Amino acid sequence: MGVTIADVAERAGVSKTTVSRVLNGKGEINENTVVKVRKAISELGYVPSAGAVGLARGTTQMIGMLVPDMAWAWAGIVQAVVETLETDGFGLRMLTWNHGEESLRRLGLQVAAKSFDGLLVIEPEGALGSITELHEAGLPVVLIDDRFQRPGFPYVATTNREGGEQAARHLLDLGRRRPLVVTGPEEYGCTRERLDGFVDVYAQAGIDLDSRSIIGGDFLFETARSAVAQALADGVEFDAVFGHNDPSAAGVLAALHEAGLRIPQDVAVVGFDDVELASYTYPALTTIRQPMREMGEAAARLLLDHVRRSPEAALSRIIPTSLVVRGSTLEPSSN
């Protein structure tokens, strides 16, 4: 076992409470006592844990963040979270859901050890019940991009249905009346919302989308690329494609290029998210901007409010989407 606070207390000839007070700079302590404790810490090589440092202060000044993996897709959210927490003097401890139940067990151990004061969560597929239990046991939790699961604790989400509506209206305004949709995973609430919003706007325009116009996807580039190539091979006629995220839309662009079709003259393409990739495709993607940074900042501030038991802490936040028009739907000016 490593050096403990009890070892420091014994070496310095003081109580563990006194050592904690010295570590936290709390309370009036005789200067000689402070010197003895610091000397003992130096001699023993004691490194205080977050829990020990927070014993007297009542907080670790750390926030945990559980993400599915360390993929680039979360970069905007994570960066905004880090910047917001640092402004308030908090650090961030990243956790992943890579190993399923084992990851959840480790999360439970971190919570039991009081390693952080609150938890931010992105897409807890299969773990929402366990995270809800942690919240009900007293851990402040905020869910980011809740996939329309509407948990019994605070969340920050965006307007997925309205985003689908925005994509449809834009394409209709361009005269595109035969759209193809490459969806996200069927089990995700955001997929259903984006699809429902899109289909309803077309229905209001007197255009009903049949089953061949809606292709099940998984948010992956290659899946969308193959799906559109197959639709073209099957003779499905379309003049626009709505991909449910930007990697899917990029896969659509690739399939259209390979088929020798012009974008946007022959087929207009709209994505969803407005990640960095959207600006680098050819042509650049028109997309529905999901406000990642704003969501990350809002989630961090919301969690800090609940950590501090602020009476003004909001229950949840919904941040709207917006349309970003680029070359995949808008032809360049001839001037």
Protein backbone atom coordinates (compact mmCIF):
# COMPACT_ATOMS: atom_id res chain seq x y z
CA MET A 1 0.00 0.00 0.00
CA GLY A 2 1.11 3.57 -0.61
CA VAL A 3 1.69 6.23 2.00
CA THR A 4 -1.56 7.27 3.68
CA ILE A 5 -2.72 10.34 5.53
CA ALA A 6 -2.49 8.25 8.73
CA ASP A 7 1.23 7.65 8.06
CA VAL A 8 1.78 11.40 7.69
CA ALA A 9 -0.13 12.08 10.90
CA GLU A 10 1.94 9.50 12.83
CA ARG A 11 5.25 10.85 11.48
CA ALA A 12 4.29 14.45 12.34
CA GLY A 13 2.80 13.51 15.72
CA VAL A 14 -0.58 15.08 14.94
CA SER A 15 -4.10 13.91 14.15
CA LYS A 16 -5.37 13.00 10.66
CA THR A 17 -7.76 15.95 10.91
CA THR A 18 -4.83 18.30 11.40
CA VAL A 19 -3.09 16.87 8.34
CA SER A 20 -6.29 17.39 6.32
CA ARG A 21 -6.49 21.00 7.50
CA VAL A 22 -2.93 21.62 6.41
CA LEU A 23 -3.58 20.04 3.01
CA ASN A 24 -6.66 22.17 2.49
CA GLY A 25 -5.28 25.37 4.02
CA LYS A 26 -8.28 25.52 6.30
CA GLY A 27 -8.49 26.68 9.89
CA GLU A 28 -5.97 28.36 12.15
CA ILE A 29 -3.02 26.04 12.69
CA ASN A 30 0.19 26.72 14.59
CA GLU A 31 3.02 27.45 12.16
CA ASN A 32 5.26 24.87 13.83
CA THR A 33 2.57 22.24 13.28
CA VAL A 34 2.30 23.20 9.61
CA VAL A 35 6.07 22.85 9.22
CA LYS A 36 6.04 19.40 10.89
CA VAL A 37 3.22 18.16 8.65
CA ARG A 38 4.85 19.45 5.47
CA LYS A 39 8.16 17.91 6.50
CA ALA A 40 6.46 14.55 7.09
CA ILE A 41 4.76 14.76 3.70
CA SER A 42 8.12 15.46 2.03
CA GLU A 43 9.99 12.71 3.87
CA LEU A 44 7.33 10.08 3.18
CA GLY A 45 6.66 11.15 -0.41
CA TYR A 46 2.96 11.41 0.30
CA VAL A 47 0.77 12.42 -2.68
CA PRO A 48 -2.71 13.42 -1.50
CA SER A 49 -5.64 11.93 -3.43
CA ALA A 50 -8.47 14.08 -4.71
CA GLY A 51 -10.61 12.65 -1.91
CA ALA A 52 -8.06 13.57 0.75
CA VAL A 53 -7.58 17.09 -0.56
CA GLY A 54 -11.33 17.55 -0.66
CA LEU A 55 -11.98 16.14 2.80
CA ALA A 56 -12.14 19.48 4.56
CA ARG A 57 -13.07 21.55 1.53
CA GLY A 58 -16.08 19.33 0.76
CA THR A 59 -15.27 19.16 -2.95
CA THR A 60 -12.64 17.60 -5.20
CA GLN A 61 -12.89 20.44 -7.75
CA MET A 62 -13.06 17.68 -10.37
CA ILE A 63 -15.83 16.74 -12.80
CA GLY A 64 -16.09 13.32 -14.43
CA MET A 65 -17.13 12.93 -18.07
CA LEU A 66 -18.32 9.62 -19.51
CA VAL A 67 -18.13 9.31 -23.31
CA PRO A 68 -18.63 6.30 -25.62
CA ASP A 69 -15.04 6.52 -26.84
CA MET A 70 -12.34 9.10 -27.52
CA ALA A 71 -13.43 9.69 -31.14
CA TRP A 72 -13.14 13.13 -32.73
CA ALA A 73 -16.95 13.44 -32.85
CA TRP A 74 -17.02 14.74 -29.26
CA ALA A 75 -14.14 17.22 -29.65
CA GLY A 76 -16.29 20.35 -29.77
CA ILE A 77 -18.30 19.36 -26.72
CA VAL A 78 -15.26 18.28 -24.69
CA GLN A 79 -13.27 21.43 -25.51
CA ALA A 80 -16.16 23.65 -24.41
CA VAL A 81 -16.55 21.61 -21.21
CA VAL A 82 -12.82 21.93 -20.40
CA GLU A 83 -12.78 25.69 -20.99
CA THR A 84 -15.90 26.25 -18.89
CA LEU A 85 -14.66 24.11 -15.99
CA GLU A 86 -11.20 25.69 -16.00
CA THR A 87 -12.77 29.14 -15.75
CA ASP A 88 -14.41 28.01 -12.51
CA GLY A 89 -11.30 26.27 -11.17
CA PHE A 90 -12.45 22.70 -11.88
CA GLY A 91 -10.56 19.91 -13.61
CA LEU A 92 -11.92 17.13 -15.86
CA ARG A 93 -11.52 13.37 -15.48
CA MET A 94 -12.35 11.53 -18.73
CA LEU A 95 -13.98 8.10 -18.63
CA THR A 96 -15.05 5.91 -21.55
CA TRP A 97 -17.74 3.32 -22.13
CA ASN A 98 -15.43 1.17 -24.28
CA HIS A 99 -15.68 -1.97 -22.14
CA GLY A 100 -19.36 -2.05 -21.26
CA GLU A 101 -20.02 -3.55 -17.83
CA GLU A 102 -16.35 -3.35 -16.85
CA SER A 103 -16.37 0.37 -17.62
CA LEU A 104 -19.50 0.78 -15.54
CA ARG A 105 -17.89 -1.09 -12.63
CA ARG A 106 -14.89 1.24 -12.77
CA LEU A 107 -17.21 4.23 -12.85
CA GLY A 108 -18.90 2.94 -9.71
CA LEU A 109 -15.53 2.65 -7.98
CA GLN A 110 -14.64 6.22 -8.96
CA VAL A 111 -17.95 7.46 -7.57
CA ALA A 112 -17.49 5.48 -4.33
CA ALA A 113 -14.01 6.99 -3.93
CA LYS A 114 -15.49 10.47 -4.41
CA SER A 115 -13.07 11.10 -7.29
CA PHE A 116 -15.26 13.85 -8.71
CA ASP A 117 -18.11 16.09 -7.66
CA GLY A 118 -20.43 15.49 -10.59
CA LEU A 119 -20.72 13.59 -13.87
CA LEU A 120 -21.31 14.65 -17.48
CA VAL A 121 -22.50 11.87 -19.77
CA ILE A 122 -22.71 11.51 -23.56
CA GLU A 123 -24.83 8.72 -25.08
CA PRO A 124 -24.96 6.15 -22.27
CA GLU A 125 -26.37 3.40 -24.50
CA GLY A 126 -27.25 0.47 -22.23
CA ALA A 127 -26.09 2.31 -19.12
CA LEU A 128 -28.84 4.84 -18.50
CA GLY A 129 -30.39 2.76 -15.71
CA SER A 130 -27.10 2.52 -13.82
CA ILE A 131 -26.36 6.22 -14.25
CA THR A 132 -29.86 7.06 -13.04
CA GLU A 133 -29.16 5.01 -9.91
CA LEU A 134 -25.96 6.99 -9.28
CA HIS A 135 -27.92 10.22 -9.60
CA GLU A 136 -30.65 8.99 -7.27
CA ALA A 137 -27.94 8.09 -4.75
CA GLY A 138 -26.84 11.74 -4.70
CA LEU A 139 -24.35 12.20 -7.56
CA PRO A 140 -25.10 15.30 -9.66
CA VAL A 141 -25.41 14.16 -13.29
CA VAL A 142 -26.10 15.97 -16.58
CA LEU A 143 -26.71 14.08 -19.82
CA ILE A 144 -25.53 15.64 -23.10
CA ASP A 145 -27.37 14.81 -26.34
CA ASP A 146 -29.88 12.56 -24.61
CA ARG A 147 -31.02 10.75 -27.77
CA PHE A 148 -34.57 11.68 -26.77
CA GLN A 149 -34.43 9.42 -23.72
CA ARG A 150 -35.54 12.24 -21.39
CA PRO A 151 -33.96 10.90 -18.17
CA GLY A 152 -35.10 11.75 -14.67
CA PHE A 153 -32.16 14.12 -14.20
CA PRO A 154 -30.89 17.24 -16.02
CA TYR A 155 -29.94 17.05 -19.68
CA VAL A 156 -28.81 19.29 -22.54
CA ALA A 157 -30.18 18.46 -25.98
CA THR A 158 -30.78 20.06 -29.36
CA THR A 159 -33.83 20.40 -31.61
CA ASN A 160 -33.43 17.31 -33.79
CA ARG A 161 -36.96 17.36 -35.21
CA GLU A 162 -36.67 21.02 -36.12
CA GLY A 163 -33.32 20.25 -37.74
CA GLY A 164 -34.98 17.67 -39.98
CA GLU A 165 -37.64 20.23 -40.85
CA GLN A 166 -34.98 22.83 -41.71
CA ALA A 167 -33.25 20.38 -44.07
CA ALA A 168 -36.54 19.58 -45.83
CA ARG A 169 -37.58 23.22 -46.24
CA HIS A 170 -34.19 24.12 -47.69
CA LEU A 171 -34.38 21.34 -50.27
CA LEU A 172 -37.96 22.17 -51.16
CA ASP A 173 -37.02 25.83 -51.60
CA LEU A 174 -34.45 24.62 -54.14
CA GLY A 175 -37.12 22.66 -56.00
CA ARG A 176 -35.87 19.25 -54.87
CA ARG A 177 -38.97 17.04 -54.75
CA ARG A 178 -37.43 13.54 -54.85
CA PRO A 179 -35.23 13.26 -51.77
CA LEU A 180 -33.41 10.23 -50.45
CA VAL A 181 -32.76 9.95 -46.69
CA VAL A 182 -29.87 8.01 -45.11
CA THR A 183 -30.84 7.73 -41.45
CA GLY A 184 -28.90 7.14 -38.25
CA PRO A 185 -29.35 4.01 -36.09
CA GLU A 186 -33.04 3.17 -35.72
CA GLU A 187 -32.85 2.85 -31.93
CA TYR A 188 -31.72 6.45 -31.47
CA GLY A 189 -34.42 8.95 -30.63
CA CYS A 190 -32.57 11.64 -32.59
CA THR A 191 -32.85 9.48 -35.72
CA ARG A 192 -36.62 9.25 -35.33
CA GLU A 193 -36.91 12.97 -34.64
CA ARG A 194 -34.78 14.01 -37.63
CA LEU A 195 -36.67 11.66 -39.93
CA ASP A 196 -40.12 12.64 -38.66
CA GLY A 197 -39.41 16.35 -39.08
CA PHE A 198 -38.10 15.83 -42.62
CA VAL A 199 -40.91 13.53 -43.76
CA ASP A 200 -43.64 15.74 -42.29
CA VAL A 201 -42.46 18.85 -44.15
CA TYR A 202 -42.45 16.94 -47.43
CA ALA A 203 -45.90 15.53 -46.64
CA GLN A 204 -47.19 19.05 -46.07
CA ALA A 205 -45.91 19.87 -49.56
CA GLY A 206 -47.94 16.95 -50.94
CA ILE A 207 -44.93 14.63 -51.32
CA ASP A 208 -45.04 11.27 -49.53
CA LEU A 209 -41.70 9.46 -49.25
CA ASP A 210 -41.93 5.75 -49.96
CA SER A 211 -39.85 3.00 -48.39
CA ARG A 212 -37.23 3.08 -51.16
CA SER A 213 -36.55 6.75 -50.34
CA ILE A 214 -35.57 6.01 -46.73
CA ILE A 215 -32.41 3.97 -46.15
CA GLY A 216 -31.39 2.77 -42.71
CA GLY A 217 -27.89 3.85 -41.77
CA ASP A 218 -25.52 3.93 -38.81
CA PHE A 219 -23.85 7.36 -38.96
CA LEU A 220 -20.83 5.86 -40.78
CA PHE A 221 -19.21 7.09 -44.01
CA GLU A 222 -18.84 3.70 -45.70
CA THR A 223 -22.38 2.57 -44.91
CA ALA A 224 -23.86 5.69 -46.51
CA ARG A 225 -21.53 5.41 -49.48
CA SER A 226 -22.56 1.80 -50.14
CA ALA A 227 -26.25 2.54 -49.57
CA VAL A 228 -26.37 5.35 -52.12
CA ALA A 229 -24.37 3.32 -54.63
CA GLN A 230 -26.91 0.52 -54.22
CA ALA A 231 -29.84 2.92 -54.61
CA LEU A 232 -28.35 4.16 -57.87
CA ALA A 233 -27.81 0.58 -59.06
CA ASP A 234 -31.43 -0.24 -58.19
CA GLY A 235 -32.69 2.64 -60.30
CA VAL A 236 -34.03 4.75 -57.41
CA GLU A 237 -34.56 8.27 -58.74
CA PHE A 238 -33.63 11.16 -56.44
CA ASP A 239 -32.46 14.74 -56.74
CA ALA A 240 -31.41 15.29 -53.13
CA VAL A 241 -30.05 13.34 -50.15
CA PHE A 242 -30.39 14.11 -46.44
CA GLY A 243 -27.71 12.32 -44.42
CA HIS A 244 -28.44 12.14 -40.69
CA ASN A 245 -24.90 13.19 -39.80
CA ASP A 246 -21.94 14.71 -41.63
CA PRO A 247 -19.87 11.50 -42.03
CA SER A 248 -22.92 9.90 -43.65
CA ALA A 249 -23.37 12.90 -45.93
CA ALA A 250 -19.66 12.72 -46.85
CA GLY A 251 -20.19 9.09 -47.80
CA VAL A 252 -23.12 10.20 -49.98
CA LEU A 253 -20.87 12.71 -51.75
CA ALA A 254 -18.31 9.99 -52.43
CA ALA A 255 -20.92 7.69 -53.99
CA LEU A 256 -22.28 10.48 -56.18
CA HIS A 257 -18.79 11.43 -57.37
CA GLU A 258 -18.06 7.80 -58.22
CA ALA A 259 -21.28 7.64 -60.25
CA GLY A 260 -20.27 10.72 -62.23
CA LEU A 261 -23.12 12.87 -60.88
CA ARG A 262 -22.71 16.61 -60.37
CA ILE A 263 -23.24 18.12 -56.94
CA PRO A 264 -25.44 20.08 -56.47
CA GLN A 265 -26.64 20.34 -60.09
CA ASP A 266 -27.81 16.70 -60.29
CA VAL A 267 -28.15 15.91 -56.60
CA ALA A 268 -28.12 18.29 -53.61
CA VAL A 269 -26.80 16.94 -50.29
CA VAL A 270 -27.52 18.03 -46.72
CA GLY A 271 -25.82 16.66 -43.60
CA PHE A 272 -26.34 17.13 -39.87
CA ASP A 273 -24.00 18.31 -37.06
CA ASP A 274 -21.63 20.78 -38.78
CA VAL A 275 -18.47 19.09 -37.56
CA GLU A 276 -15.13 20.26 -38.98
CA LEU A 277 -15.34 17.64 -41.73
CA ALA A 278 -18.31 19.49 -43.28
CA SER A 279 -16.08 22.35 -44.42
CA TYR A 280 -13.47 20.07 -46.01
CA THR A 281 -15.59 17.87 -48.31
CA TYR A 282 -15.92 18.65 -52.02
CA PRO A 283 -18.11 20.49 -52.39
CA ALA A 284 -18.36 21.71 -48.81
CA LEU A 285 -21.43 20.34 -47.03
CA THR A 286 -24.62 22.20 -46.42
CA THR A 287 -25.63 20.90 -43.01
CA ILE A 288 -27.82 21.37 -39.99
CA ARG A 289 -25.63 22.80 -37.28
CA GLN A 290 -25.91 20.97 -33.98
CA PRO A 291 -24.44 23.47 -31.50
CA MET A 292 -21.78 21.20 -29.99
CA ARG A 293 -19.75 23.86 -28.22
CA GLU A 294 -22.84 25.58 -26.85
CA MET A 295 -24.13 22.23 -25.62
CA GLY A 296 -20.83 21.46 -23.90
CA GLU A 297 -20.70 24.85 -22.20
CA ALA A 298 -24.35 24.71 -21.16
CA ALA A 299 -23.93 21.19 -19.75
CA ALA A 300 -20.84 22.15 -17.75
CA ARG A 301 -22.53 25.24 -16.29
CA LEU A 302 -25.70 23.29 -15.54
CA LEU A 303 -23.73 20.59 -13.72
CA LEU A 304 -21.72 23.12 -11.71
CA ASP A 305 -24.99 24.75 -10.62
CA HIS A 306 -26.25 21.39 -9.37
CA VAL A 307 -22.90 20.54 -7.73
CA ARG A 308 -23.15 23.82 -5.82
CA ARG A 309 -26.82 23.18 -5.01
CA SER A 310 -27.73 26.50 -6.55
CA PRO A 311 -31.44 27.28 -6.06
CA GLU A 312 -31.40 28.80 -9.57
CA ALA A 313 -30.13 25.62 -11.24
CA ALA A 314 -32.20 24.82 -14.33
CA LEU A 315 -33.63 21.35 -14.84
CA SER A 316 -32.53 21.05 -18.48
CA ARG A 317 -31.57 23.03 -21.59
CA ILE A 318 -32.63 22.71 -25.23
CA ILE A 319 -30.36 24.53 -27.71
CA PRO A 320 -31.70 25.04 -31.25
CA THR A 321 -30.18 23.85 -34.51
CA SER A 322 -29.55 26.11 -37.51
CA LEU A 323 -29.06 25.68 -41.26
CA VAL A 324 -25.56 26.26 -42.67
CA VAL A 325 -25.63 26.57 -46.47
CA ARG A 326 -22.55 25.54 -48.48
CA GLY A 327 -21.69 24.21 -51.91
CA SER A 328 -23.42 20.83 -51.71
CA THR A 329 -26.78 22.54 -52.23
CA LEU A 330 -25.87 25.99 -53.53
CA GLU A 331 -24.33 26.34 -56.98
CA PRO A 332 -21.42 28.80 -57.16
CA SER A 333 -22.17 32.19 -58.65
CA SER A 334 -21.40 32.54 -62.32
CA ASN A 335 -20.18 36.11 -61.75
